[in-house]
Structure formats: C-alpha cells, structure tokens
Amino acid sequence: MKERFEVGEKRIDRKALIRQYKESRRPMGIYRVRHKASGRSLVGETVDLPAMLNRVRFQLNAGAHPNVELQRDWKKYRKPKQLE
C-alpha cells in the first residue's frame, strides 16, 4: 500500500517525494564561516552546502563544534548575526 497524505486537495505520494529529493542536485562548493568581531574564519568544502550550514550551526549551538576557537567565540558572543 502506497503511503499518501493530503495537502489541501492534493494527494501526495511520500515515496515519490523522497525519491525526488534524493535525485535532486544540491549546491556544492567552498564555504566560509566568518566571525565579524574578531575577523577569524573557518573555510571548508562540501558536496551539500545547505546541509553543512545546518550542521555547523547545530554543532555550535550544542557546544560540540570540533574547531575549538570557533566554538569559544560562539560561546562568548552567542549572537547568530556575528557569523555569516
């Protein structure tokens, strides 16, 4: 039995949505997380930029980022606008 759910008047096939997501191209490249106040940056590369940004923010908020200096700055300033 196909798993379907309704959004408004449309019926959506969940497996088709998952397959579509997995087959979609994700932006890849080089990223930089910069602390405006100190001018320090973390530079990296990834095959999925949105996922990496989500991962870095989660690690910083959880206090578990592997870059000790970046984690220290995040803890000290704790302002999301400080990092771009």
PDB file of N, CA and C in Angstrom:
ATOM      1  N   MET A   1       0.843  -1.178   0.000  1.00  0.00           N
ATOM      2  CA  MET A   1       0.000   0.000   0.000  1.00  0.00           C
ATOM      3  C   MET A   1       0.889   1.243   0.000  1.00  0.00           C
ATOM      4  N   LYS A   2       0.652   2.142  -0.955  1.00  0.00           N
ATOM      5  CA  LYS A   2       1.430   3.363  -1.040  1.00  0.00           C
ATOM      6  C   LYS A   2       1.006   4.316   0.070  1.00  0.00           C
ATOM      7  N   GLU A   3       2.009   4.939   0.663  1.00  0.00           N
ATOM      8  CA  GLU A   3       1.727   5.895   1.727  1.00  0.00           C
ATOM      9  C   GLU A   3       1.453   7.257   1.092  1.00  0.00           C
ATOM     10  N   ARG A   4       0.279   7.769   1.280  1.00  0.00           N
ATOM     11  CA  ARG A   4      -0.112   9.054   0.707  1.00  0.00           C
ATOM     12  C   ARG A   4      -0.670   9.950   1.815  1.00  0.00           C
ATOM     13  N   PHE A   5      -0.512  11.224   1.607  1.00  0.00           N
ATOM     14  CA  PHE A   5      -1.150  12.151   2.534  1.00  0.00           C
ATOM     15  C   PHE A   5      -1.674  13.325   1.731  1.00  0.00           C
ATOM     16  N   GLU A   6      -2.574  14.055   2.316  1.00  0.00           N
ATOM     17  CA  GLU A   6      -3.229  15.133   1.597  1.00  0.00           C
ATOM     18  C   GLU A   6      -2.749  16.487   2.082  1.00  0.00           C
ATOM     19  N   VAL A   7      -2.503  17.373   1.130  1.00  0.00           N
ATOM     20  CA  VAL A   7      -2.181  18.756   1.411  1.00  0.00           C
ATOM     21  C   VAL A   7      -3.214  19.565   0.646  1.00  0.00           C
ATOM     22  N   GLY A   8      -4.127  20.158   1.374  1.00  0.00           N
ATOM     23  CA  GLY A   8      -5.242  20.830   0.701  1.00  0.00           C
ATOM     24  C   GLY A   8      -6.062  19.778  -0.023  1.00  0.00           C
ATOM     25  N   GLU A   9      -6.209  19.945  -1.319  1.00  0.00           N
ATOM     26  CA  GLU A   9      -6.960  18.975  -2.102  1.00  0.00           C
ATOM     27  C   GLU A   9      -6.052  18.042  -2.888  1.00  0.00           C
ATOM     28  N   LYS A  10      -4.720  18.182  -2.743  1.00  0.00           N
ATOM     29  CA  LYS A  10      -3.780  17.354  -3.490  1.00  0.00           C
ATOM     30  C   LYS A  10      -3.396  16.119  -2.682  1.00  0.00           C
ATOM     31  N   ARG A  11      -3.276  14.999  -3.374  1.00  0.00           N
ATOM     32  CA  ARG A  11      -2.774  13.780  -2.745  1.00  0.00           C
ATOM     33  C   ARG A  11      -1.321  13.649  -3.148  1.00  0.00           C
ATOM     34  N   ILE A  12      -0.456  13.385  -2.185  1.00  0.00           N
ATOM     35  CA  ILE A  12       0.980  13.332  -2.436  1.00  0.00           C
ATOM     36  C   ILE A  12       1.516  11.953  -2.070  1.00  0.00           C
ATOM     37  N   ASP A  13       2.309  11.387  -2.979  1.00  0.00           N
ATOM     38  CA  ASP A  13       2.948  10.100  -2.768  1.00  0.00           C
ATOM     39  C   ASP A  13       4.269  10.336  -2.025  1.00  0.00           C
ATOM     40  N   ARG A  14       4.360   9.884  -0.794  1.00  0.00           N
ATOM     41  CA  ARG A  14       5.535  10.133   0.049  1.00  0.00           C
ATOM     42  C   ARG A  14       6.800   9.541  -0.550  1.00  0.00           C
ATOM     43  N   LYS A  15       6.744   8.316  -1.041  1.00  0.00           N
ATOM     44  CA  LYS A  15       7.929   7.678  -1.626  1.00  0.00           C
ATOM     45  C   LYS A  15       8.418   8.435  -2.854  1.00  0.00           C
ATOM     46  N   ALA A  16       7.499   8.953  -3.643  1.00  0.00           N
ATOM     47  CA  ALA A  16       7.889   9.736  -4.818  1.00  0.00           C
ATOM     48  C   ALA A  16       8.597  11.025  -4.397  1.00  0.00           C
ATOM     49  N   LEU A  17       8.117  11.651  -3.332  1.00  0.00           N
ATOM     50  CA  LEU A  17       8.762  12.864  -2.824  1.00  0.00           C
ATOM     51  C   LEU A  17      10.168  12.566  -2.316  1.00  0.00           C
ATOM     52  N   ILE A  18      10.338  11.460  -1.606  1.00  0.00           N
ATOM     53  CA  ILE A  18      11.654  11.074  -1.094  1.00  0.00           C
ATOM     54  C   ILE A  18      12.601  10.794  -2.255  1.00  0.00           C
ATOM     55  N   ARG A  19      12.126  10.057  -3.257  1.00  0.00           N
ATOM     56  CA  ARG A  19      12.946   9.747  -4.428  1.00  0.00           C
ATOM     57  C   ARG A  19      13.340  11.033  -5.153  1.00  0.00           C
ATOM     58  N   GLN A  20      12.389  11.943  -5.301  1.00  0.00           N
ATOM     59  CA  GLN A  20      12.665  13.219  -5.958  1.00  0.00           C
ATOM     60  C   GLN A  20      13.730  14.002  -5.196  1.00  0.00           C
ATOM     61  N   TYR A  21      13.645  14.020  -3.861  1.00  0.00           N
ATOM     62  CA  TYR A  21      14.637  14.721  -3.045  1.00  0.00           C
ATOM     63  C   TYR A  21      16.020  14.108  -3.214  1.00  0.00           C
ATOM     64  N   LYS A  22      16.090  12.792  -3.163  1.00  0.00           N
ATOM     65  CA  LYS A  22      17.381  12.109  -3.280  1.00  0.00           C
ATOM     66  C   LYS A  22      18.023  12.313  -4.648  1.00  0.00           C
ATOM     67  N   GLU A  23      17.207  12.448  -5.677  1.00  0.00           N
ATOM     68  CA  GLU A  23      17.726  12.628  -7.029  1.00  0.00           C
ATOM     69  C   GLU A  23      18.027  14.087  -7.364  1.00  0.00           C
ATOM     70  N   SER A  24      17.594  15.009  -6.520  1.00  0.00           N
ATOM     71  CA  SER A  24      17.817  16.427  -6.802  1.00  0.00           C
ATOM     72  C   SER A  24      19.289  16.786  -6.581  1.00  0.00           C
ATOM     73  N   ARG A  25      19.739  17.746  -7.353  1.00  0.00           N
ATOM     74  CA  ARG A  25      21.128  18.211  -7.222  1.00  0.00           C
ATOM     75  C   ARG A  25      21.200  19.214  -6.086  1.00  0.00           C
ATOM     76  N   ARG A  26      22.216  19.083  -5.290  1.00  0.00           N
ATOM     77  CA  ARG A  26      22.417  20.006  -4.182  1.00  0.00           C
ATOM     78  C   ARG A  26      23.615  20.895  -4.495  1.00  0.00           C
ATOM     79  N   PRO A  27      23.560  22.156  -4.062  1.00  0.00           N
ATOM     80  CA  PRO A  27      24.708  23.032  -4.321  1.00  0.00           C
ATOM     81  C   PRO A  27      25.921  22.567  -3.529  1.00  0.00           C
ATOM     82  N   MET A  28      27.054  22.482  -4.213  1.00  0.00           N
ATOM     83  CA  MET A  28      28.289  22.076  -3.557  1.00  0.00           C
ATOM     84  C   MET A  28      29.324  23.168  -3.744  1.00  0.00           C
ATOM     85  N   GLY A  29      30.342  23.155  -2.912  1.00  0.00           N
ATOM     86  CA  GLY A  29      31.395  24.137  -3.088  1.00  0.00           C
ATOM     87  C   GLY A  29      32.163  24.409  -1.815  1.00  0.00           C
ATOM     88  N   ILE A  30      32.762  25.582  -1.810  1.00  0.00           N
ATOM     89  CA  ILE A  30      33.590  26.027  -0.692  1.00  0.00           C
ATOM     90  C   ILE A  30      32.768  27.005   0.141  1.00  0.00           C
ATOM     91  N   TYR A  31      32.865  26.877   1.454  1.00  0.00           N
ATOM     92  CA  TYR A  31      32.123  27.777   2.343  1.00  0.00           C
ATOM     93  C   TYR A  31      33.080  28.435   3.322  1.00  0.00           C
ATOM     94  N   ARG A  32      32.635  29.551   3.887  1.00  0.00           N
ATOM     95  CA  ARG A  32      33.422  30.242   4.908  1.00  0.00           C
ATOM     96  C   ARG A  32      32.484  30.696   6.003  1.00  0.00           C
ATOM     97  N   VAL A  33      32.825  30.388   7.231  1.00  0.00           N
ATOM     98  CA  VAL A  33      32.116  30.896   8.408  1.00  0.00           C
ATOM     99  C   VAL A  33      33.041  31.944   9.004  1.00  0.00           C
ATOM    100  N   ARG A  34      32.559  33.171   9.055  1.00  0.00           N
ATOM    101  CA  ARG A  34      33.417  34.269   9.500  1.00  0.00           C
ATOM    102  C   ARG A  34      32.842  34.918  10.744  1.00  0.00           C
ATOM    103  N   HIS A  35      33.697  35.138  11.720  1.00  0.00           N
ATOM    104  CA  HIS A  35      33.317  35.863  12.935  1.00  0.00           C
ATOM    105  C   HIS A  35      33.658  37.327  12.704  1.00  0.00           C
ATOM    106  N   LYS A  36      32.634  38.175  12.604  1.00  0.00           N
ATOM    107  CA  LYS A  36      32.843  39.575  12.247  1.00  0.00           C
ATOM    108  C   LYS A  36      33.685  40.336  13.262  1.00  0.00           C
ATOM    109  N   ALA A  37      33.462  40.101  14.532  1.00  0.00           N
ATOM    110  CA  ALA A  37      34.158  40.872  15.565  1.00  0.00           C
ATOM    111  C   ALA A  37      35.658  40.600  15.581  1.00  0.00           C
ATOM    112  N   SER A  38      36.049  39.338  15.460  1.00  0.00           N
ATOM    113  CA  SER A  38      37.475  39.002  15.524  1.00  0.00           C
ATOM    114  C   SER A  38      38.116  38.906  14.149  1.00  0.00           C
ATOM    115  N   GLY A  39      37.309  38.746  13.109  1.00  0.00           N
ATOM    116  CA  GLY A  39      37.852  38.611  11.764  1.00  0.00           C
ATOM    117  C   GLY A  39      38.332  37.209  11.434  1.00  0.00           C
ATOM    118  N   ARG A  40      38.169  36.280  12.357  1.00  0.00           N
ATOM    119  CA  ARG A  40      38.601  34.898  12.112  1.00  0.00           C
ATOM    120  C   ARG A  40      37.607  34.180  11.213  1.00  0.00           C
ATOM    121  N   SER A  41      38.119  33.228  10.427  1.00  0.00           N
ATOM    122  CA  SER A  41      37.270  32.477   9.505  1.00  0.00           C
ATOM    123  C   SER A  41      37.563  30.993   9.578  1.00  0.00           C
ATOM    124  N   LEU A  42      36.544  30.220   9.293  1.00  0.00           N
ATOM    125  CA  LEU A  42      36.668  28.776   9.111  1.00  0.00           C
ATOM    126  C   LEU A  42      36.296  28.512   7.662  1.00  0.00           C
ATOM    127  N   VAL A  43      37.186  27.902   6.896  1.00  0.00           N
ATOM    128  CA  VAL A  43      36.947  27.631   5.486  1.00  0.00           C
ATOM    129  C   VAL A  43      36.906  26.122   5.292  1.00  0.00           C
ATOM    130  N   GLY A  44      35.963  25.673   4.470  1.00  0.00           N
ATOM    131  CA  GLY A  44      35.847  24.248   4.205  1.00  0.00           C
ATOM    132  C   GLY A  44      35.202  23.998   2.862  1.00  0.00           C
ATOM    133  N   GLU A  45      35.088  22.733   2.493  1.00  0.00           N
ATOM    134  CA  GLU A  45      34.427  22.369   1.254  1.00  0.00           C
ATOM    135  C   GLU A  45      33.480  21.220   1.524  1.00  0.00           C
ATOM    136  N   THR A  46      32.393  21.165   0.728  1.00  0.00           N
ATOM    137  CA  THR A  46      31.366  20.164   0.948  1.00  0.00           C
ATOM    138  C   THR A  46      30.604  19.876  -0.344  1.00  0.00           C
ATOM    139  N   VAL A  47      29.954  18.754  -0.392  1.00  0.00           N
ATOM    140  CA  VAL A  47      29.122  18.414  -1.544  1.00  0.00           C
ATOM    141  C   VAL A  47      27.673  18.847  -1.332  1.00  0.00           C
ATOM    142  N   ASP A  48      27.338  19.354  -0.138  1.00  0.00           N
ATOM    143  CA  ASP A  48      25.970  19.785   0.162  1.00  0.00           C
ATOM    144  C   ASP A  48      26.028  21.009   1.079  1.00  0.00           C
ATOM    145  N   LEU A  49      26.052  22.200   0.486  1.00  0.00           N
ATOM    146  CA  LEU A  49      26.205  23.428   1.273  1.00  0.00           C
ATOM    147  C   LEU A  49      25.095  23.662   2.300  1.00  0.00           C
ATOM    148  N   PRO A  50      23.816  23.525   1.938  1.00  0.00           N
ATOM    149  CA  PRO A  50      22.776  23.754   2.956  1.00  0.00           C
ATOM    150  C   PRO A  50      22.904  22.801   4.146  1.00  0.00           C
ATOM    151  N   ALA A  51      23.245  21.547   3.881  1.00  0.00           N
ATOM    152  CA  ALA A  51      23.398  20.577   4.969  1.00  0.00           C
ATOM    153  C   ALA A  51      24.590  20.942   5.854  1.00  0.00           C
ATOM    154  N   MET A  52      25.676  21.413   5.253  1.00  0.00           N
ATOM    155  CA  MET A  52      26.852  21.785   6.038  1.00  0.00           C
ATOM    156  C   MET A  52      26.559  22.990   6.915  1.00  0.00           C
ATOM    157  N   LEU A  53      25.851  23.979   6.382  1.00  0.00           N
ATOM    158  CA  LEU A  53      25.496  25.144   7.187  1.00  0.00           C
ATOM    159  C   LEU A  53      24.635  24.725   8.379  1.00  0.00           C
ATOM    160  N   ASN A  54      23.682  23.847   8.128  1.00  0.00           N
ATOM    161  CA  ASN A  54      22.836  23.332   9.201  1.00  0.00           C
ATOM    162  C   ASN A  54      23.684  22.587  10.237  1.00  0.00           C
ATOM    163  N   ARG A  55      24.626  21.783   9.772  1.00  0.00           N
ATOM    164  CA  ARG A  55      25.487  21.007  10.672  1.00  0.00           C
ATOM    165  C   ARG A  55      26.347  21.917  11.538  1.00  0.00           C
ATOM    166  N   VAL A  56      26.972  22.932  10.931  1.00  0.00           N
ATOM    167  CA  VAL A  56      27.840  23.852  11.685  1.00  0.00           C
ATOM    168  C   VAL A  56      27.028  24.588  12.748  1.00  0.00           C
ATOM    169  N   ARG A  57      25.859  25.090  12.373  1.00  0.00           N
ATOM    170  CA  ARG A  57      25.017  25.795  13.362  1.00  0.00           C
ATOM    171  C   ARG A  57      24.591  24.872  14.497  1.00  0.00           C
ATOM    172  N   PHE A  58      24.214  23.636  14.152  1.00  0.00           N
ATOM    173  CA  PHE A  58      23.803  22.693  15.183  1.00  0.00           C
ATOM    174  C   PHE A  58      24.962  22.406  16.137  1.00  0.00           C
ATOM    175  N   GLN A  59      26.149  22.141  15.588  1.00  0.00           N
ATOM    176  CA  GLN A  59      27.309  21.844  16.431  1.00  0.00           C
ATOM    177  C   GLN A  59      27.639  23.024  17.339  1.00  0.00           C
ATOM    178  N   LEU A  60      27.580  24.246  16.800  1.00  0.00           N
ATOM    179  CA  LEU A  60      27.890  25.423  17.614  1.00  0.00           C
ATOM    180  C   LEU A  60      26.863  25.602  18.727  1.00  0.00           C
ATOM    181  N   ASN A  61      25.591  25.463  18.399  1.00  0.00           N
ATOM    182  CA  ASN A  61      24.545  25.610  19.420  1.00  0.00           C
ATOM    183  C   ASN A  61      24.615  24.515  20.473  1.00  0.00           C
ATOM    184  N   ALA A  62      25.075  23.322  20.075  1.00  0.00           N
ATOM    185  CA  ALA A  62      25.189  22.202  21.014  1.00  0.00           C
ATOM    186  C   ALA A  62      26.498  22.241  21.801  1.00  0.00           C
ATOM    187  N   GLY A  63      27.404  23.146  21.418  1.00  0.00           N
ATOM    188  CA  GLY A  63      28.706  23.221  22.099  1.00  0.00           C
ATOM    189  C   GLY A  63      29.625  22.082  21.707  1.00  0.00           C
ATOM    190  N   ALA A  64      29.434  21.543  20.507  1.00  0.00           N
ATOM    191  CA  ALA A  64      30.203  20.357  20.098  1.00  0.00           C
ATOM    192  C   ALA A  64      30.971  20.558  18.798  1.00  0.00           C
ATOM    193  N   HIS A  65      31.248  21.800  18.409  1.00  0.00           N
ATOM    194  CA  HIS A  65      31.978  22.011  17.159  1.00  0.00           C
ATOM    195  C   HIS A  65      33.444  21.618  17.346  1.00  0.00           C
ATOM    196  N   PRO A  66      34.034  20.901  16.375  1.00  0.00           N
ATOM    197  CA  PRO A  66      35.424  20.439  16.523  1.00  0.00           C
ATOM    198  C   PRO A  66      36.459  21.564  16.491  1.00  0.00           C
ATOM    199  N   ASN A  67      36.122  22.726  15.944  1.00  0.00           N
ATOM    200  CA  ASN A  67      37.055  23.854  15.936  1.00  0.00           C
ATOM    201  C   ASN A  67      36.913  24.596  17.260  1.00  0.00           C
ATOM    202  N   VAL A  68      37.883  24.421  18.129  1.00  0.00           N
ATOM    203  CA  VAL A  68      37.807  24.943  19.498  1.00  0.00           C
ATOM    204  C   VAL A  68      37.717  26.465  19.519  1.00  0.00           C
ATOM    205  N   GLU A  69      38.498  27.137  18.685  1.00  0.00           N
ATOM    206  CA  GLU A  69      38.476  28.603  18.687  1.00  0.00           C
ATOM    207  C   GLU A  69      37.131  29.153  18.215  1.00  0.00           C
ATOM    208  N   LEU A  70      36.568  28.560  17.169  1.00  0.00           N
ATOM    209  CA  LEU A  70      35.253  28.985  16.690  1.00  0.00           C
ATOM    210  C   LEU A  70      34.194  28.734  17.758  1.00  0.00           C
ATOM    211  N   GLN A  71      34.260  27.574  18.409  1.00  0.00           N
ATOM    212  CA  GLN A  71      33.301  27.257  19.476  1.00  0.00           C
ATOM    213  C   GLN A  71      33.437  28.242  20.625  1.00  0.00           C
ATOM    214  N   ARG A  72      34.667  28.621  20.967  1.00  0.00           N
ATOM    215  CA  ARG A  72      34.901  29.587  22.053  1.00  0.00           C
ATOM    216  C   ARG A  72      34.286  30.946  21.695  1.00  0.00           C
ATOM    217  N   ASP A  73      34.508  31.415  20.452  1.00  0.00           N
ATOM    218  CA  ASP A  73      33.929  32.687  20.018  1.00  0.00           C
ATOM    219  C   ASP A  73      32.405  32.626  20.035  1.00  0.00           C
ATOM    220  N   TRP A  74      31.851  31.497  19.579  1.00  0.00           N
ATOM    221  CA  TRP A  74      30.385  31.345  19.553  1.00  0.00           C
ATOM    222  C   TRP A  74      29.824  31.417  20.975  1.00  0.00           C
ATOM    223  N   LYS A  75      30.491  30.737  21.888  1.00  0.00           N
ATOM    224  CA  LYS A  75      30.021  30.721  23.275  1.00  0.00           C
ATOM    225  C   LYS A  75      30.140  32.112  23.907  1.00  0.00           C
ATOM    226  N   LYS A  76      31.229  32.802  23.599  1.00  0.00           N
ATOM    227  CA  LYS A  76      31.469  34.114  24.187  1.00  0.00           C
ATOM    228  C   LYS A  76      30.468  35.153  23.679  1.00  0.00           C
ATOM    229  N   TYR A  77      30.216  35.182  22.382  1.00  0.00           N
ATOM    230  CA  TYR A  77      29.361  36.219  21.806  1.00  0.00           C
ATOM    231  C   TYR A  77      27.916  35.779  21.637  1.00  0.00           C
ATOM    232  N   ARG A  78      27.697  34.512  21.331  1.00  0.00           N
ATOM    233  CA  ARG A  78      26.377  33.885  21.240  1.00  0.00           C
ATOM    234  C   ARG A  78      25.361  34.710  20.454  1.00  0.00           C
ATOM    235  N   LYS A  79      25.789  35.405  19.428  1.00  0.00           N
ATOM    236  CA  LYS A  79      24.876  36.165  18.589  1.00  0.00           C
ATOM    237  C   LYS A  79      24.914  35.602  17.184  1.00  0.00           C
ATOM    238  N   PRO A  80      23.815  35.059  16.691  1.00  0.00           N
ATOM    239  CA  PRO A  80      23.801  34.484  15.355  1.00  0.00           C
ATOM    240  C   PRO A  80      24.205  35.490  14.262  1.00  0.00           C
ATOM    241  N   LYS A  81      23.966  36.770  14.466  1.00  0.00           N
ATOM    242  CA  LYS A  81      24.321  37.768  13.462  1.00  0.00           C
ATOM    243  C   LYS A  81      25.841  37.959  13.375  1.00  0.00           C
ATOM    244  N   GLN A  82      26.595  37.492  14.365  1.00  0.00           N
ATOM    245  CA  GLN A  82      28.044  37.641  14.348  1.00  0.00           C
ATOM    246  C   GLN A  82      28.704  36.730  13.305  1.00  0.00           C
ATOM    247  N   LEU A  83      28.030  35.648  12.951  1.00  0.00           N
ATOM    248  CA  LEU A  83      28.571  34.732  11.959  1.00  0.00           C
ATOM    249  C   LEU A  83      27.762  34.838  10.688  1.00  0.00           C
ATOM    250  N   GLU A  84      28.447  34.884   9.551  1.00  0.00           N
ATOM    251  CA  GLU A  84      27.721  34.943   8.277  1.00  0.00           C
ATOM    252  C   GLU A  84      28.123  33.804   7.386  1.00  0.00           C
TER     253      GLU A  84
END
